Amino acid sequence: MKDVLKTYLWIFSITAGLLTVALLLFPEKKNRLEFIEEEIKKVQEGRKILTQREKELEKLANEKDWEEVDKENK
């Protein structure tokens, strides 16, 4: 009888340990709108840091990308 109880105790403790680890590592769900707003803030902060030359290069790259999209759609 003691062997059966020990076996159940091991199973229970391992299961409880795995559940605890899973709950600690499982990321909390964020509201999608909050996530998008945070990403927008990160991008805006990154753009503030850019120099004038980097801003021009980014603008040229975006224009080039849109030109490629326009060519593909014709």
N, C-alpha and C. Protein backbone atom coordinates (compact mmCIF):
# COMPACT_ATOMS: atom_id res chain seq x y z
N MET A 1 0.83 -1.20 0.00
CA MET A 1 0.00 0.00 0.00
C MET A 1 0.87 1.26 0.00
N LYS A 2 1.99 1.22 0.73
CA LYS A 2 2.87 2.38 0.77
C LYS A 2 3.50 2.65 -0.59
N ASP A 3 3.79 1.59 -1.34
CA ASP A 3 4.39 1.76 -2.66
C ASP A 3 3.43 2.48 -3.60
N VAL A 4 2.16 2.16 -3.50
CA VAL A 4 1.17 2.80 -4.36
C VAL A 4 1.05 4.28 -3.99
N LEU A 5 1.05 4.58 -2.70
CA LEU A 5 0.97 5.97 -2.27
C LEU A 5 2.20 6.76 -2.70
N LYS A 6 3.38 6.14 -2.60
CA LYS A 6 4.60 6.82 -3.03
C LYS A 6 4.56 7.09 -4.53
N THR A 7 4.05 6.13 -5.28
CA THR A 7 3.95 6.31 -6.74
C THR A 7 3.02 7.46 -7.07
N TYR A 8 1.87 7.50 -6.42
CA TYR A 8 0.93 8.60 -6.66
C TYR A 8 1.51 9.94 -6.20
N LEU A 9 2.25 9.95 -5.11
CA LEU A 9 2.88 11.17 -4.62
C LEU A 9 3.90 11.68 -5.65
N TRP A 10 4.72 10.80 -6.22
CA TRP A 10 5.68 11.18 -7.24
C TRP A 10 4.97 11.75 -8.47
N ILE A 11 3.94 11.06 -8.89
CA ILE A 11 3.21 11.53 -10.08
C ILE A 11 2.60 12.90 -9.82
N PHE A 12 1.99 13.06 -8.66
CA PHE A 12 1.38 14.34 -8.31
C PHE A 12 2.43 15.45 -8.22
N SER A 13 3.56 15.18 -7.57
CA SER A 13 4.58 16.22 -7.39
C SER A 13 5.23 16.60 -8.72
N ILE A 14 5.47 15.63 -9.60
CA ILE A 14 6.05 15.94 -10.91
C ILE A 14 5.06 16.75 -11.74
N THR A 15 3.80 16.37 -11.71
CA THR A 15 2.77 17.10 -12.45
C THR A 15 2.64 18.53 -11.91
N ALA A 16 2.64 18.68 -10.61
CA ALA A 16 2.54 20.01 -10.01
C ALA A 16 3.75 20.86 -10.38
N GLY A 17 4.93 20.27 -10.37
CA GLY A 17 6.14 20.99 -10.75
C GLY A 17 6.09 21.44 -12.20
N LEU A 18 5.67 20.57 -13.09
CA LEU A 18 5.57 20.93 -14.50
C LEU A 18 4.56 22.03 -14.74
N LEU A 19 3.42 21.95 -14.06
CA LEU A 19 2.41 23.00 -14.18
C LEU A 19 2.92 24.34 -13.66
N THR A 20 3.65 24.30 -12.56
CA THR A 20 4.20 25.53 -12.01
C THR A 20 5.18 26.17 -12.98
N VAL A 21 6.08 25.37 -13.54
CA VAL A 21 7.05 25.89 -14.50
C VAL A 21 6.33 26.43 -15.74
N ALA A 22 5.31 25.70 -16.21
CA ALA A 22 4.58 26.14 -17.40
C ALA A 22 3.88 27.48 -17.14
N LEU A 23 3.29 27.64 -15.98
CA LEU A 23 2.60 28.89 -15.66
C LEU A 23 3.57 30.06 -15.52
N LEU A 24 4.76 29.79 -14.99
CA LEU A 24 5.75 30.86 -14.85
C LEU A 24 6.34 31.27 -16.19
N LEU A 25 6.51 30.33 -17.09
CA LEU A 25 7.12 30.63 -18.38
C LEU A 25 6.11 31.08 -19.42
N PHE A 26 4.84 30.78 -19.23
CA PHE A 26 3.82 31.12 -20.21
C PHE A 26 3.62 32.63 -20.21
N PRO A 27 3.77 33.27 -21.35
CA PRO A 27 3.64 34.73 -21.38
C PRO A 27 2.19 35.16 -21.14
N GLU A 28 2.07 36.29 -20.50
CA GLU A 28 0.74 36.79 -20.24
C GLU A 28 0.16 37.36 -21.53
N LYS A 29 -1.12 37.25 -21.67
CA LYS A 29 -1.76 37.75 -22.88
C LYS A 29 -1.92 39.26 -22.78
N LYS A 30 -1.48 39.93 -23.82
CA LYS A 30 -1.65 41.38 -23.88
C LYS A 30 -2.79 41.68 -24.84
N ASN A 31 -3.41 42.75 -24.56
CA ASN A 31 -4.42 43.25 -25.47
C ASN A 31 -3.72 43.59 -26.78
N ARG A 32 -4.28 43.19 -27.89
CA ARG A 32 -3.63 43.43 -29.19
C ARG A 32 -3.42 44.91 -29.45
N LEU A 33 -4.38 45.71 -29.04
CA LEU A 33 -4.25 47.15 -29.24
C LEU A 33 -3.08 47.70 -28.43
N GLU A 34 -2.92 47.26 -27.19
CA GLU A 34 -1.81 47.71 -26.37
C GLU A 34 -0.48 47.31 -27.00
N PHE A 35 -0.41 46.08 -27.53
CA PHE A 35 0.81 45.60 -28.16
C PHE A 35 1.15 46.46 -29.37
N ILE A 36 0.17 46.77 -30.19
CA ILE A 36 0.40 47.59 -31.38
C ILE A 36 0.85 49.00 -30.98
N GLU A 37 0.22 49.56 -29.96
CA GLU A 37 0.60 50.89 -29.51
C GLU A 37 2.04 50.91 -29.00
N GLU A 38 2.45 49.87 -28.28
CA GLU A 38 3.82 49.79 -27.80
C GLU A 38 4.80 49.71 -28.97
N GLU A 39 4.47 48.94 -29.98
CA GLU A 39 5.35 48.83 -31.15
C GLU A 39 5.45 50.16 -31.89
N ILE A 40 4.34 50.89 -31.99
CA ILE A 40 4.35 52.20 -32.64
C ILE A 40 5.26 53.15 -31.87
N LYS A 41 5.18 53.12 -30.55
CA LYS A 41 6.03 53.99 -29.73
C LYS A 41 7.50 53.66 -29.94
N LYS A 42 7.83 52.38 -30.03
CA LYS A 42 9.22 51.97 -30.25
C LYS A 42 9.73 52.50 -31.59
N VAL A 43 8.91 52.39 -32.62
CA VAL A 43 9.32 52.87 -33.94
C VAL A 43 9.50 54.38 -33.93
N GLN A 44 8.58 55.09 -33.27
CA GLN A 44 8.68 56.55 -33.22
C GLN A 44 9.93 56.98 -32.46
N GLU A 45 10.26 56.29 -31.38
CA GLU A 45 11.47 56.63 -30.63
C GLU A 45 12.70 56.35 -31.47
N GLY A 46 12.66 55.28 -32.24
CA GLY A 46 13.78 54.96 -33.11
C GLY A 46 13.98 56.01 -34.19
N ARG A 47 12.91 56.56 -34.69
CA ARG A 47 13.00 57.59 -35.73
C ARG A 47 13.54 58.90 -35.18
N LYS A 48 13.28 59.19 -33.91
CA LYS A 48 13.80 60.42 -33.31
C LYS A 48 15.32 60.38 -33.24
N ILE A 49 15.88 59.20 -33.11
CA ILE A 49 17.32 59.05 -32.95
C ILE A 49 18.05 59.19 -34.29
N LEU A 50 17.36 58.92 -35.39
CA LEU A 50 17.99 58.93 -36.71
C LEU A 50 18.53 60.30 -37.08
N THR A 51 19.66 60.29 -37.77
CA THR A 51 20.21 61.55 -38.29
C THR A 51 19.47 61.92 -39.56
N GLN A 52 19.75 63.11 -40.06
CA GLN A 52 19.07 63.58 -41.28
C GLN A 52 19.40 62.66 -42.45
N ARG A 53 20.65 62.24 -42.56
CA ARG A 53 21.07 61.36 -43.66
C ARG A 53 20.37 60.00 -43.57
N GLU A 54 20.25 59.46 -42.37
CA GLU A 54 19.57 58.19 -42.19
C GLU A 54 18.09 58.30 -42.55
N LYS A 55 17.49 59.44 -42.23
CA LYS A 55 16.08 59.65 -42.59
C LYS A 55 15.91 59.68 -44.10
N GLU A 56 16.85 60.33 -44.79
CA GLU A 56 16.79 60.38 -46.25
C GLU A 56 16.94 58.99 -46.85
N LEU A 57 17.88 58.21 -46.31
CA LEU A 57 18.08 56.84 -46.80
C LEU A 57 16.85 55.97 -46.58
N GLU A 58 16.21 56.15 -45.43
CA GLU A 58 14.99 55.38 -45.16
C GLU A 58 13.89 55.76 -46.13
N LYS A 59 13.78 57.06 -46.43
CA LYS A 59 12.77 57.53 -47.38
C LYS A 59 13.03 56.96 -48.77
N LEU A 60 14.29 56.96 -49.19
CA LEU A 60 14.64 56.40 -50.50
C LEU A 60 14.33 54.89 -50.56
N ALA A 61 14.63 54.20 -49.50
CA ALA A 61 14.36 52.76 -49.46
C ALA A 61 12.86 52.49 -49.56
N ASN A 62 12.06 53.28 -48.86
CA ASN A 62 10.61 53.10 -48.92
C ASN A 62 10.07 53.39 -50.31
N GLU A 63 10.60 54.44 -50.93
CA GLU A 63 10.16 54.78 -52.29
C GLU A 63 10.52 53.66 -53.26
N LYS A 64 11.71 53.11 -53.11
CA LYS A 64 12.15 52.01 -53.97
C LYS A 64 11.24 50.79 -53.79
N ASP A 65 10.91 50.49 -52.54
CA ASP A 65 10.01 49.36 -52.28
C ASP A 65 8.66 49.57 -52.94
N TRP A 66 8.12 50.77 -52.83
CA TRP A 66 6.81 51.03 -53.43
C TRP A 66 6.88 50.99 -54.96
N GLU A 67 7.99 51.44 -55.52
CA GLU A 67 8.15 51.35 -56.98
C GLU A 67 8.16 49.89 -57.43
N GLU A 68 8.82 49.02 -56.66
CA GLU A 68 8.83 47.60 -57.00
C GLU A 68 7.43 47.00 -56.91
N VAL A 69 6.68 47.42 -55.91
CA VAL A 69 5.30 46.93 -55.77
C VAL A 69 4.47 47.39 -56.95
N ASP A 70 4.65 48.64 -57.35
CA ASP A 70 3.91 49.17 -58.50
C ASP A 70 4.25 48.40 -59.77
N LYS A 71 5.53 48.07 -59.97
CA LYS A 71 5.93 47.30 -61.15
C LYS A 71 5.32 45.91 -61.16
N GLU A 72 5.25 45.29 -59.99
CA GLU A 72 4.68 43.94 -59.90
C GLU A 72 3.19 43.94 -60.19
N ASN A 73 2.51 45.01 -59.83
CA ASN A 73 1.06 45.06 -60.01
C ASN A 73 0.64 45.46 -61.41
N LYS A 74 1.58 45.90 -62.24
CA LYS A 74 1.21 46.30 -63.61
C LYS A 74 1.18 45.13 -64.51
